[in-house]
PDB file of N, CA and C in Angstrom:
ATOM      1  N   MET A   1      38.679 157.889 117.455  1.00  0.00           N
ATOM      2  CA  MET A   1      38.807 158.382 117.997  1.00  0.00           C
ATOM      3  C   MET A   1      38.563 157.354 119.173  1.00  0.00           C
ATOM      4  N   ARG A   2      38.913 156.293 120.563  1.00  0.00           N
ATOM      5  CA  ARG A   2      38.870 155.014 121.523  1.00  0.00           C
ATOM      6  C   ARG A   2      38.766 155.304 122.277  1.00  0.00           C
ATOM      7  N   SER A   3      37.579 154.766 123.280  1.00  0.00           N
ATOM      8  CA  SER A   3      37.778 155.175 124.907  1.00  0.00           C
ATOM      9  C   SER A   3      38.915 154.081 125.392  1.00  0.00           C
ATOM     10  N   VAL A   4      39.507 154.181 125.677  1.00  0.00           N
ATOM     11  CA  VAL A   4      41.528 153.165 126.156  1.00  0.00           C
ATOM     12  C   VAL A   4      40.887 152.841 128.210  1.00  0.00           C
ATOM     13  N   LEU A   5      41.730 152.744 128.167  1.00  0.00           N
ATOM     14  CA  LEU A   5      41.527 152.728 129.610  1.00  0.00           C
ATOM     15  C   LEU A   5      42.917 153.383 130.068  1.00  0.00           C
ATOM     16  N   LYS A   6      42.382 154.371 131.014  1.00  0.00           N
ATOM     17  CA  LYS A   6      43.748 155.279 131.777  1.00  0.00           C
ATOM     18  C   LYS A   6      44.408 154.684 133.154  1.00  0.00           C
ATOM     19  N   SER A   7      43.811 154.525 133.420  1.00  0.00           N
ATOM     20  CA  SER A   7      43.226 154.348 135.264  1.00  0.00           C
ATOM     21  C   SER A   7      42.817 153.041 135.973  1.00  0.00           C
ATOM     22  N   LYS A   8      43.343 151.618 136.821  1.00  0.00           N
ATOM     23  CA  LYS A   8      42.713 151.043 137.580  1.00  0.00           C
ATOM     24  C   LYS A   8      43.355 150.431 138.638  1.00  0.00           C
ATOM     25  N   ILE A   9      42.385 150.847 139.497  1.00  0.00           N
ATOM     26  CA  ILE A   9      43.049 149.833 141.163  1.00  0.00           C
ATOM     27  C   ILE A   9      42.069 148.878 140.743  1.00  0.00           C
ATOM     28  N   HIS A  10      43.106 147.263 141.394  1.00  0.00           N
ATOM     29  CA  HIS A  10      42.682 146.753 140.957  1.00  0.00           C
ATOM     30  C   HIS A  10      42.398 145.661 142.342  1.00  0.00           C
ATOM     31  N   ARG A  11      41.219 145.293 142.750  1.00  0.00           N
ATOM     32  CA  ARG A  11      40.346 144.705 143.345  1.00  0.00           C
ATOM     33  C   ARG A  11      40.683 145.268 145.528  1.00  0.00           C
ATOM     34  N   ALA A  12      40.517 146.523 144.655  1.00  0.00           N
ATOM     35  CA  ALA A  12      40.366 146.472 146.513  1.00  0.00           C
ATOM     36  C   ALA A  12      39.335 146.356 147.060  1.00  0.00           C
ATOM     37  N   ARG A  13      39.483 147.613 148.855  1.00  0.00           N
ATOM     38  CA  ARG A  13      38.457 146.275 149.681  1.00  0.00           C
ATOM     39  C   ARG A  13      37.076 147.660 150.651  1.00  0.00           C
ATOM     40  N   VAL A  14      36.274 148.148 150.177  1.00  0.00           N
ATOM     41  CA  VAL A  14      35.215 149.142 150.205  1.00  0.00           C
ATOM     42  C   VAL A  14      35.036 148.972 152.183  1.00  0.00           C
ATOM     43  N   THR A  15      36.058 149.874 152.251  1.00  0.00           N
ATOM     44  CA  THR A  15      35.877 150.389 153.608  1.00  0.00           C
ATOM     45  C   THR A  15      34.752 151.128 154.654  1.00  0.00           C
ATOM     46  N   GLU A  16      33.726 152.326 153.777  1.00  0.00           N
ATOM     47  CA  GLU A  16      32.708 152.259 153.888  1.00  0.00           C
ATOM     48  C   GLU A  16      31.393 152.581 152.843  1.00  0.00           C
ATOM     49  N   ALA A  17      30.436 152.552 153.652  1.00  0.00           N
ATOM     50  CA  ALA A  17      29.450 153.284 152.241  1.00  0.00           C
ATOM     51  C   ALA A  17      28.515 154.567 153.145  1.00  0.00           C
ATOM     52  N   ASP A  18      28.410 155.688 152.222  1.00  0.00           N
ATOM     53  CA  ASP A  18      26.920 156.408 153.177  1.00  0.00           C
ATOM     54  C   ASP A  18      26.794 156.505 151.860  1.00  0.00           C
ATOM     55  N   VAL A  19      24.561 155.810 152.434  1.00  0.00           N
ATOM     56  CA  VAL A  19      24.457 156.484 151.166  1.00  0.00           C
ATOM     57  C   VAL A  19      23.245 157.762 151.504  1.00  0.00           C
ATOM     58  N   ASP A  20      24.195 158.373 152.847  1.00  0.00           N
ATOM     59  CA  ASP A  20      23.861 159.521 152.586  1.00  0.00           C
ATOM     60  C   ASP A  20      24.154 160.614 152.190  1.00  0.00           C
ATOM     61  N   TYR A  21      25.755 160.191 151.798  1.00  0.00           N
ATOM     62  CA  TYR A  21      26.759 161.399 151.068  1.00  0.00           C
ATOM     63  C   TYR A  21      26.018 161.875 149.908  1.00  0.00           C
ATOM     64  N   MET A  22      26.148 162.208 149.231  1.00  0.00           N
ATOM     65  CA  MET A  22      25.334 163.169 148.283  1.00  0.00           C
ATOM     66  C   MET A  22      25.593 162.267 147.002  1.00  0.00           C
ATOM     67  N   GLY A  23      26.759 161.487 147.056  1.00  0.00           N
ATOM     68  CA  GLY A  23      27.563 160.524 145.589  1.00  0.00           C
ATOM     69  C   GLY A  23      28.912 161.098 145.107  1.00  0.00           C
ATOM     70  N   SER A  24      29.280 159.558 144.790  1.00  0.00           N
ATOM     71  CA  SER A  24      30.513 159.680 144.539  1.00  0.00           C
ATOM     72  C   SER A  24      31.293 158.692 145.533  1.00  0.00           C
ATOM     73  N   ILE A  25      32.344 158.323 144.871  1.00  0.00           N
ATOM     74  CA  ILE A  25      33.623 157.807 145.508  1.00  0.00           C
ATOM     75  C   ILE A  25      34.807 158.266 146.340  1.00  0.00           C
ATOM     76  N   THR A  26      34.861 158.211 148.011  1.00  0.00           N
ATOM     77  CA  THR A  26      36.187 158.439 148.835  1.00  0.00           C
ATOM     78  C   THR A  26      37.203 157.651 147.786  1.00  0.00           C
ATOM     79  N   ILE A  27      38.076 157.870 146.920  1.00  0.00           N
ATOM     80  CA  ILE A  27      39.481 157.137 147.129  1.00  0.00           C
ATOM     81  C   ILE A  27      40.569 157.783 147.927  1.00  0.00           C
ATOM     82  N   ASP A  28      41.676 157.264 148.475  1.00  0.00           N
ATOM     83  CA  ASP A  28      42.782 157.075 149.794  1.00  0.00           C
ATOM     84  C   ASP A  28      43.677 158.291 148.625  1.00  0.00           C
ATOM     85  N   SER A  29      43.500 159.782 149.237  1.00  0.00           N
ATOM     86  CA  SER A  29      45.153 160.437 147.495  1.00  0.00           C
ATOM     87  C   SER A  29      45.765 160.010 147.202  1.00  0.00           C
ATOM     88  N   GLU A  30      46.385 158.814 148.444  1.00  0.00           N
ATOM     89  CA  GLU A  30      47.578 159.016 147.322  1.00  0.00           C
ATOM     90  C   GLU A  30      47.037 157.295 146.249  1.00  0.00           C
ATOM     91  N   LEU A  31      46.515 156.178 146.779  1.00  0.00           N
ATOM     92  CA  LEU A  31      46.236 155.300 145.635  1.00  0.00           C
ATOM     93  C   LEU A  31      45.591 156.279 144.490  1.00  0.00           C
ATOM     94  N   LEU A  32      45.495 157.584 144.310  1.00  0.00           N
ATOM     95  CA  LEU A  32      44.654 158.371 142.988  1.00  0.00           C
ATOM     96  C   LEU A  32      45.920 159.195 142.798  1.00  0.00           C
ATOM     97  N   LYS A  33      46.977 159.892 142.780  1.00  0.00           N
ATOM     98  CA  LYS A  33      48.096 160.026 142.850  1.00  0.00           C
ATOM     99  C   LYS A  33      49.475 158.960 142.024  1.00  0.00           C
ATOM    100  N   TYR A  34      48.913 157.600 141.843  1.00  0.00           N
ATOM    101  CA  TYR A  34      49.852 156.345 142.119  1.00  0.00           C
ATOM    102  C   TYR A  34      49.185 155.956 140.163  1.00  0.00           C
ATOM    103  N   VAL A  35      47.730 156.524 140.561  1.00  0.00           N
ATOM    104  CA  VAL A  35      47.169 155.391 139.206  1.00  0.00           C
ATOM    105  C   VAL A  35      47.109 156.807 138.108  1.00  0.00           C
ATOM    106  N   GLY A  36      46.743 158.365 138.212  1.00  0.00           N
ATOM    107  CA  GLY A  36      46.845 159.595 138.037  1.00  0.00           C
ATOM    108  C   GLY A  36      45.389 159.742 137.530  1.00  0.00           C
ATOM    109  N   LEU A  37      44.190 159.741 138.912  1.00  0.00           N
ATOM    110  CA  LEU A  37      43.055 160.050 138.582  1.00  0.00           C
ATOM    111  C   LEU A  37      42.907 160.918 139.366  1.00  0.00           C
ATOM    112  N   TRP A  38      42.083 162.510 139.137  1.00  0.00           N
ATOM    113  CA  TRP A  38      42.185 163.349 139.503  1.00  0.00           C
ATOM    114  C   TRP A  38      40.322 162.797 140.355  1.00  0.00           C
ATOM    115  N   PRO A  39      40.343 164.893 140.750  1.00  0.00           N
ATOM    116  CA  PRO A  39      39.081 164.939 142.291  1.00  0.00           C
ATOM    117  C   PRO A  39      38.758 165.080 140.758  1.00  0.00           C
ATOM    118  N   ASN A  40      37.317 164.517 140.732  1.00  0.00           N
ATOM    119  CA  ASN A  40      35.969 164.597 139.501  1.00  0.00           C
ATOM    120  C   ASN A  40      35.615 164.230 138.426  1.00  0.00           C
ATOM    121  N   GLU A  41      36.665 163.541 138.115  1.00  0.00           N
ATOM    122  CA  GLU A  41      37.084 162.575 137.645  1.00  0.00           C
ATOM    123  C   GLU A  41      36.579 161.195 137.935  1.00  0.00           C
ATOM    124  N   ARG A  42      35.545 161.690 136.488  1.00  0.00           N
ATOM    125  CA  ARG A  42      34.355 159.933 136.139  1.00  0.00           C
ATOM    126  C   ARG A  42      35.054 158.513 136.177  1.00  0.00           C
ATOM    127  N   VAL A  43      34.686 157.777 136.874  1.00  0.00           N
ATOM    128  CA  VAL A  43      34.866 156.863 136.756  1.00  0.00           C
ATOM    129  C   VAL A  43      33.800 155.229 136.830  1.00  0.00           C
ATOM    130  N   LEU A  44      34.287 154.414 136.559  1.00  0.00           N
ATOM    131  CA  LEU A  44      33.963 152.741 136.626  1.00  0.00           C
ATOM    132  C   LEU A  44      34.621 152.146 137.753  1.00  0.00           C
ATOM    133  N   VAL A  45      32.798 151.867 138.891  1.00  0.00           N
ATOM    134  CA  VAL A  45      33.711 151.246 139.509  1.00  0.00           C
ATOM    135  C   VAL A  45      32.810 149.764 139.498  1.00  0.00           C
ATOM    136  N   VAL A  46      33.763 148.183 140.149  1.00  0.00           N
ATOM    137  CA  VAL A  46      32.279 147.153 139.666  1.00  0.00           C
ATOM    138  C   VAL A  46      33.220 145.876 140.454  1.00  0.00           C
ATOM    139  N   SER A  47      32.346 145.913 141.659  1.00  0.00           N
ATOM    140  CA  SER A  47      31.879 144.781 141.842  1.00  0.00           C
ATOM    141  C   SER A  47      32.277 142.721 141.980  1.00  0.00           C
ATOM    142  N   ASN A  48      33.255 143.014 142.325  1.00  0.00           N
ATOM    143  CA  ASN A  48      34.038 141.892 142.375  1.00  0.00           C
ATOM    144  C   ASN A  48      32.930 141.145 143.421  1.00  0.00           C
ATOM    145  N   THR A  49      32.331 141.077 143.974  1.00  0.00           N
ATOM    146  CA  THR A  49      32.154 140.671 145.238  1.00  0.00           C
ATOM    147  C   THR A  49      30.261 140.034 144.298  1.00  0.00           C
ATOM    148  N   SER A  50      29.593 141.318 144.218  1.00  0.00           N
ATOM    149  CA  SER A  50      28.383 140.950 143.647  1.00  0.00           C
ATOM    150  C   SER A  50      28.013 141.273 141.689  1.00  0.00           C
ATOM    151  N   GLY A  51      29.663 141.789 141.946  1.00  0.00           N
ATOM    152  CA  GLY A  51      28.555 142.245 139.884  1.00  0.00           C
ATOM    153  C   GLY A  51      27.779 143.083 139.931  1.00  0.00           C
ATOM    154  N   ALA A  52      28.006 144.455 140.749  1.00  0.00           N
ATOM    155  CA  ALA A  52      27.133 145.673 140.344  1.00  0.00           C
ATOM    156  C   ALA A  52      28.208 146.158 139.853  1.00  0.00           C
ATOM    157  N   ARG A  53      27.968 146.973 139.115  1.00  0.00           N
ATOM    158  CA  ARG A  53      28.584 148.737 138.195  1.00  0.00           C
ATOM    159  C   ARG A  53      27.807 149.104 138.056  1.00  0.00           C
ATOM    160  N   LEU A  54      29.288 150.929 138.633  1.00  0.00           N
ATOM    161  CA  LEU A  54      28.227 152.085 138.139  1.00  0.00           C
ATOM    162  C   LEU A  54      29.114 153.233 138.037  1.00  0.00           C
ATOM    163  N   GLU A  55      28.600 154.148 137.714  1.00  0.00           N
ATOM    164  CA  GLU A  55      29.418 155.635 136.445  1.00  0.00           C
ATOM    165  C   GLU A  55      29.178 155.891 138.147  1.00  0.00           C
ATOM    166  N   THR A  56      31.053 156.870 138.635  1.00  0.00           N
ATOM    167  CA  THR A  56      30.640 158.044 139.286  1.00  0.00           C
ATOM    168  C   THR A  56      31.542 158.300 139.037  1.00  0.00           C
ATOM    169  N   TYR A  57      31.916 159.428 140.126  1.00  0.00           N
ATOM    170  CA  TYR A  57      32.873 160.706 140.735  1.00  0.00           C
ATOM    171  C   TYR A  57      34.006 160.306 141.190  1.00  0.00           C
ATOM    172  N   VAL A  58      35.467 160.924 141.351  1.00  0.00           N
ATOM    173  CA  VAL A  58      36.488 160.898 143.042  1.00  0.00           C
ATOM    174  C   VAL A  58      35.900 161.863 142.783  1.00  0.00           C
ATOM    175  N   ILE A  59      35.948 161.468 144.581  1.00  0.00           N
ATOM    176  CA  ILE A  59      36.973 163.107 146.422  1.00  0.00           C
ATOM    177  C   ILE A  59      37.377 162.979 146.131  1.00  0.00           C
ATOM    178  N   PRO A  60      38.660 163.175 146.491  1.00  0.00           N
ATOM    179  CA  PRO A  60      40.581 162.379 147.610  1.00  0.00           C
ATOM    180  C   PRO A  60      40.021 161.921 148.699  1.00  0.00           C
ATOM    181  N   GLY A  61      40.099 161.684 149.188  1.00  0.00           N
ATOM    182  CA  GLY A  61      40.272 160.552 150.390  1.00  0.00           C
ATOM    183  C   GLY A  61      41.575 161.093 151.869  1.00  0.00           C
ATOM    184  N   GLU A  62      41.724 161.273 152.321  1.00  0.00           N
ATOM    185  CA  GLU A  62      43.358 160.991 153.259  1.00  0.00           C
ATOM    186  C   GLU A  62      44.513 159.907 153.334  1.00  0.00           C
ATOM    187  N   PRO A  63      45.436 160.953 153.129  1.00  0.00           N
ATOM    188  CA  PRO A  63      46.739 159.975 152.253  1.00  0.00           C
ATOM    189  C   PRO A  63      47.406 158.843 153.817  1.00  0.00           C
ATOM    190  N   GLY A  64      47.316 157.959 152.603  1.00  0.00           N
ATOM    191  CA  GLY A  64      47.544 156.555 153.995  1.00  0.00           C
ATOM    192  C   GLY A  64      46.096 156.024 154.087  1.00  0.00           C
ATOM    193  N   SER A  65      45.404 156.298 154.063  1.00  0.00           N
ATOM    194  CA  SER A  65      43.810 156.244 154.945  1.00  0.00           C
ATOM    195  C   SER A  65      43.428 155.131 154.630  1.00  0.00           C
ATOM    196  N   GLY A  66      44.229 154.589 153.408  1.00  0.00           N
ATOM    197  CA  GLY A  66      43.479 153.018 153.020  1.00  0.00           C
ATOM    198  C   GLY A  66      41.263 153.441 152.852  1.00  0.00           C
ATOM    199  N   GLU A  67      41.225 154.822 152.217  1.00  0.00           N
ATOM    200  CA  GLU A  67      39.779 155.276 152.330  1.00  0.00           C
ATOM    201  C   GLU A  67      39.264 154.678 150.849  1.00  0.00           C
ATOM    202  N   ILE A  68      38.094 153.440 150.753  1.00  0.00           N
ATOM    203  CA  ILE A  68      37.715 153.298 149.868  1.00  0.00           C
ATOM    204  C   ILE A  68      36.183 153.199 150.318  1.00  0.00           C
ATOM    205  N   CYS A  69      35.053 154.149 149.994  1.00  0.00           N
ATOM    206  CA  CYS A  69      34.233 154.676 150.796  1.00  0.00           C
ATOM    207  C   CYS A  69      33.481 155.870 149.562  1.00  0.00           C
ATOM    208  N   ILE A  70      32.049 154.323 149.447  1.00  0.00           N
ATOM    209  CA  ILE A  70      30.669 154.662 148.585  1.00  0.00           C
ATOM    210  C   ILE A  70      29.992 155.257 149.163  1.00  0.00           C
ATOM    211  N   ASN A  71      29.309 155.863 147.954  1.00  0.00           N
ATOM    212  CA  ASN A  71      28.590 157.692 148.671  1.00  0.00           C
ATOM    213  C   ASN A  71      27.373 157.024 147.892  1.00  0.00           C
ATOM    214  N   GLY A  72      26.920 158.212 148.805  1.00  0.00           N
ATOM    215  CA  GLY A  72      24.829 158.607 147.803  1.00  0.00           C
ATOM    216  C   GLY A  72      24.658 156.653 147.200  1.00  0.00           C
ATOM    217  N   ALA A  73      23.394 157.646 146.478  1.00  0.00           N
ATOM    218  CA  ALA A  73      22.278 156.018 146.751  1.00  0.00           C
ATOM    219  C   ALA A  73      23.131 154.436 145.862  1.00  0.00           C
ATOM    220  N   ALA A  74      24.772 155.575 145.443  1.00  0.00           N
ATOM    221  CA  ALA A  74      26.284 153.986 144.664  1.00  0.00           C
ATOM    222  C   ALA A  74      25.862 152.966 146.030  1.00  0.00           C
ATOM    223  N   ALA A  75      25.879 152.993 147.122  1.00  0.00           N
ATOM    224  CA  ALA A  75      25.740 152.807 148.889  1.00  0.00           C
ATOM    225  C   ALA A  75      25.303 151.111 148.485  1.00  0.00           C
ATOM    226  N   ASN A  76      24.011 151.800 147.827  1.00  0.00           N
ATOM    227  CA  ASN A  76      22.576 150.581 147.939  1.00  0.00           C
ATOM    228  C   ASN A  76      23.184 149.682 147.173  1.00  0.00           C
ATOM    229  N   LYS A  77      23.753 150.038 146.501  1.00  0.00           N
ATOM    230  CA  LYS A  77      24.592 148.715 145.301  1.00  0.00           C
ATOM    231  C   LYS A  77      26.012 147.906 145.943  1.00  0.00           C
ATOM    232  N   ILE A  78      27.192 148.630 146.286  1.00  0.00           N
ATOM    233  CA  ILE A  78      27.768 148.447 146.754  1.00  0.00           C
ATOM    234  C   ILE A  78      28.437 148.532 148.398  1.00  0.00           C
ATOM    235  N   SER A  79      28.298 147.397 148.530  1.00  0.00           N
ATOM    236  CA  SER A  79      28.684 147.515 150.737  1.00  0.00           C
ATOM    237  C   SER A  79      29.973 147.560 150.788  1.00  0.00           C
ATOM    238  N   VAL A  80      29.756 147.840 152.103  1.00  0.00           N
ATOM    239  CA  VAL A  80      31.260 147.361 153.082  1.00  0.00           C
ATOM    240  C   VAL A  80      31.907 146.256 153.183  1.00  0.00           C
ATOM    241  N   GLY A  81      32.878 145.817 152.926  1.00  0.00           N
ATOM    242  CA  GLY A  81      33.857 144.366 152.416  1.00  0.00           C
ATOM    243  C   GLY A  81      34.203 143.970 151.968  1.00  0.00           C
ATOM    244  N   GLU A  82      32.833 144.543 150.567  1.00  0.00           N
ATOM    245  CA  GLU A  82      33.156 144.214 148.930  1.00  0.00           C
ATOM    246  C   GLU A  82      34.091 143.701 148.409  1.00  0.00           C
ATOM    247  N   ASN A  83      34.890 143.821 147.374  1.00  0.00           N
ATOM    248  CA  ASN A  83      35.671 144.274 146.067  1.00  0.00           C
ATOM    249  C   ASN A  83      35.734 144.474 145.502  1.00  0.00           C
ATOM    250  N   VAL A  84      36.539 146.066 144.841  1.00  0.00           N
ATOM    251  CA  VAL A  84      35.837 146.262 143.222  1.00  0.00           C
ATOM    252  C   VAL A  84      36.723 146.898 142.954  1.00  0.00           C
ATOM    253  N   THR A  85      36.580 147.426 141.544  1.00  0.00           N
ATOM    254  CA  THR A  85      37.460 147.375 140.982  1.00  0.00           C
ATOM    255  C   THR A  85      38.043 148.828 139.971  1.00  0.00           C
ATOM    256  N   ILE A  86      38.660 149.902 140.095  1.00  0.00           N
ATOM    257  CA  ILE A  86      37.897 151.118 139.935  1.00  0.00           C
ATOM    258  C   ILE A  86      38.919 151.917 138.165  1.00  0.00           C
ATOM    259  N   MET A  87      37.834 151.791 137.631  1.00  0.00           N
ATOM    260  CA  MET A  87      38.036 152.239 136.191  1.00  0.00           C
ATOM    261  C   MET A  87      38.433 153.659 135.041  1.00  0.00           C
ATOM    262  N   SER A  88      39.177 154.315 135.376  1.00  0.00           N
ATOM    263  CA  SER A  88      38.666 155.459 134.426  1.00  0.00           C
ATOM    264  C   SER A  88      39.732 154.638 132.931  1.00  0.00           C
ATOM    265  N   PHE A  89      38.799 156.112 132.003  1.00  0.00           N
ATOM    266  CA  PHE A  89      38.660 155.572 130.575  1.00  0.00           C
ATOM    267  C   PHE A  89      39.652 156.651 129.457  1.00  0.00           C
ATOM    268  N   VAL A  90      40.136 157.036 128.927  1.00  0.00           N
ATOM    269  CA  VAL A  90      40.309 158.376 128.105  1.00  0.00           C
ATOM    270  C   VAL A  90      39.546 158.115 126.935  1.00  0.00           C
ATOM    271  N   LEU A  91      39.697 159.317 126.093  1.00  0.00           N
ATOM    272  CA  LEU A  91      39.687 158.835 124.179  1.00  0.00           C
ATOM    273  C   LEU A  91      41.119 159.836 123.604  1.00  0.00           C
ATOM    274  N   SER A  92      40.963 158.741 123.481  1.00  0.00           N
ATOM    275  CA  SER A  92      42.326 159.261 122.180  1.00  0.00           C
ATOM    276  C   SER A  92      42.520 157.718 121.255  1.00  0.00           C
ATOM    277  N   ASP A  93      43.298 158.850 119.845  1.00  0.00           N
ATOM    278  CA  ASP A  93      43.531 158.608 118.689  1.00  0.00           C
ATOM    279  C   ASP A  93      45.039 157.869 118.278  1.00  0.00           C
ATOM    280  N   SER A  94      45.341 157.128 119.581  1.00  0.00           N
ATOM    281  CA  SER A  94      46.487 156.138 120.038  1.00  0.00           C
ATOM    282  C   SER A  94      46.442 155.349 121.023  1.00  0.00           C
ATOM    283  N   GLN A  95      47.425 154.697 120.981  1.00  0.00           N
ATOM    284  CA  GLN A  95      47.186 153.442 122.342  1.00  0.00           C
ATOM    285  C   GLN A  95      47.430 154.555 123.552  1.00  0.00           C
ATOM    286  N   VAL A  96      47.238 153.619 124.623  1.00  0.00           N
ATOM    287  CA  VAL A  96      48.303 154.308 126.249  1.00  0.00           C
ATOM    288  C   VAL A  96      48.441 153.690 126.510  1.00  0.00           C
ATOM    289  N   ASP A  97      49.134 153.867 127.876  1.00  0.00           N
ATOM    290  CA  ASP A  97      49.373 152.966 128.420  1.00  0.00           C
ATOM    291  C   ASP A  97      48.242 152.679 129.798  1.00  0.00           C
ATOM    292  N   PRO A  98      48.448 152.231 130.772  1.00  0.00           N
ATOM    293  CA  PRO A  98      46.973 152.833 131.563  1.00  0.00           C
ATOM    294  C   PRO A  98      48.157 152.774 132.700  1.00  0.00           C
ATOM    295  N   LYS A  99      47.681 153.417 134.196  1.00  0.00           N
ATOM    296  CA  LYS A  99      48.229 152.506 134.793  1.00  0.00           C
ATOM    297  C   LYS A  99      47.548 151.773 135.705  1.00  0.00           C
ATOM    298  N   VAL A 100      48.793 150.783 135.506  1.00  0.00           N
ATOM    299  CA  VAL A 100      47.114 149.421 136.701  1.00  0.00           C
ATOM    300  C   VAL A 100      48.200 149.642 138.014  1.00  0.00           C
ATOM    301  N   VAL A 101      47.135 149.529 139.572  1.00  0.00           N
ATOM    302  CA  VAL A 101      48.261 148.907 140.453  1.00  0.00           C
ATOM    303  C   VAL A 101      46.739 148.271 141.346  1.00  0.00           C
ATOM    304  N   SER A 102      47.783 147.060 141.780  1.00  0.00           N
ATOM    305  CA  SER A 102      46.747 146.460 143.299  1.00  0.00           C
ATOM    306  C   SER A 102      47.696 147.053 144.506  1.00  0.00           C
ATOM    307  N   VAL A 103      46.372 146.269 145.563  1.00  0.00           N
ATOM    308  CA  VAL A 103      46.549 147.171 146.378  1.00  0.00           C
ATOM    309  C   VAL A 103      46.493 145.715 147.567  1.00  0.00           C
ATOM    310  N   ASP A 104      46.941 146.501 148.749  1.00  0.00           N
ATOM    311  CA  ASP A 104      47.097 145.645 149.738  1.00  0.00           C
ATOM    312  C   ASP A 104      46.008 144.988 150.520  1.00  0.00           C
ATOM    313  N   ASP A 105      45.861 144.271 151.537  1.00  0.00           N
ATOM    314  CA  ASP A 105      44.575 143.961 152.708  1.00  0.00           C
ATOM    315  C   ASP A 105      43.899 145.977 152.592  1.00  0.00           C
ATOM    316  N   GLU A 106      44.717 146.440 152.972  1.00  0.00           N
ATOM    317  CA  GLU A 106      44.573 147.633 153.797  1.00  0.00           C
ATOM    318  C   GLU A 106      44.565 149.021 152.587  1.00  0.00           C
ATOM    319  N   ASN A 107      44.101 148.316 152.009  1.00  0.00           N
ATOM    320  CA  ASN A 107      44.548 149.054 149.946  1.00  0.00           C
ATOM    321  C   ASN A 107      45.083 150.003 150.325  1.00  0.00           C
ATOM    322  N   ARG A 108      46.507 149.656 150.703  1.00  0.00           N
ATOM    323  CA  ARG A 108      47.964 150.581 150.151  1.00  0.00           C
ATOM    324  C   ARG A 108      48.484 149.746 148.908  1.00  0.00           C
ATOM    325  N   PHE A 109      49.331 150.680 148.081  1.00  0.00           N
ATOM    326  CA  PHE A 109      49.369 150.151 146.784  1.00  0.00           C
ATOM    327  C   PHE A 109      50.552 149.253 146.879  1.00  0.00           C
ATOM    328  N   LYS A 110      50.526 148.274 146.480  1.00  0.00           N
ATOM    329  CA  LYS A 110      51.210 146.983 146.796  1.00  0.00           C
ATOM    330  C   LYS A 110      52.343 146.666 145.518  1.00  0.00           C
ATOM    331  N   ALA A 111      51.560 146.707 144.334  1.00  0.00           N
ATOM    332  CA  ALA A 111      52.588 146.328 142.454  1.00  0.00           C
ATOM    333  C   ALA A 111      51.579 147.775 141.595  1.00  0.00           C
ATOM    334  N   TYR A 112      52.162 147.680 140.634  1.00  0.00           N
ATOM    335  CA  TYR A 112      51.775 148.236 138.810  1.00  0.00           C
ATOM    336  C   TYR A 112      51.252 146.561 139.247  1.00  0.00           C
ATOM    337  N   LEU A 113      50.635 146.969 137.593  1.00  0.00           N
ATOM    338  CA  LEU A 113      50.682 145.793 137.537  1.00  0.00           C
ATOM    339  C   LEU A 113      50.732 145.742 135.980  1.00  0.00           C
TER     340      LEU A 113
END
């Protein structure tokens, strides 16, 4: 078995950072559907702005909102306005065709990559 890329939201903009929330990342639920992410799924979040990397889990946000909210202690590492890439991985014994999307300036689906 190998850990391979399953889903990727490329270069989204963080719209909110809430250090007082219990933890996780809130993502517009429409984006979750495009890339096949589930609520509570583990994701790797990488800031293209600062280089910070962290793992957390997904909470679905309001559909069509463009929401990308870094919650809990992670909000000390990644701030509002930063550009992030969000990825999930799966264990597989065969190749996986990942769902990779780009988004516009409002974090709305632009294209499959």
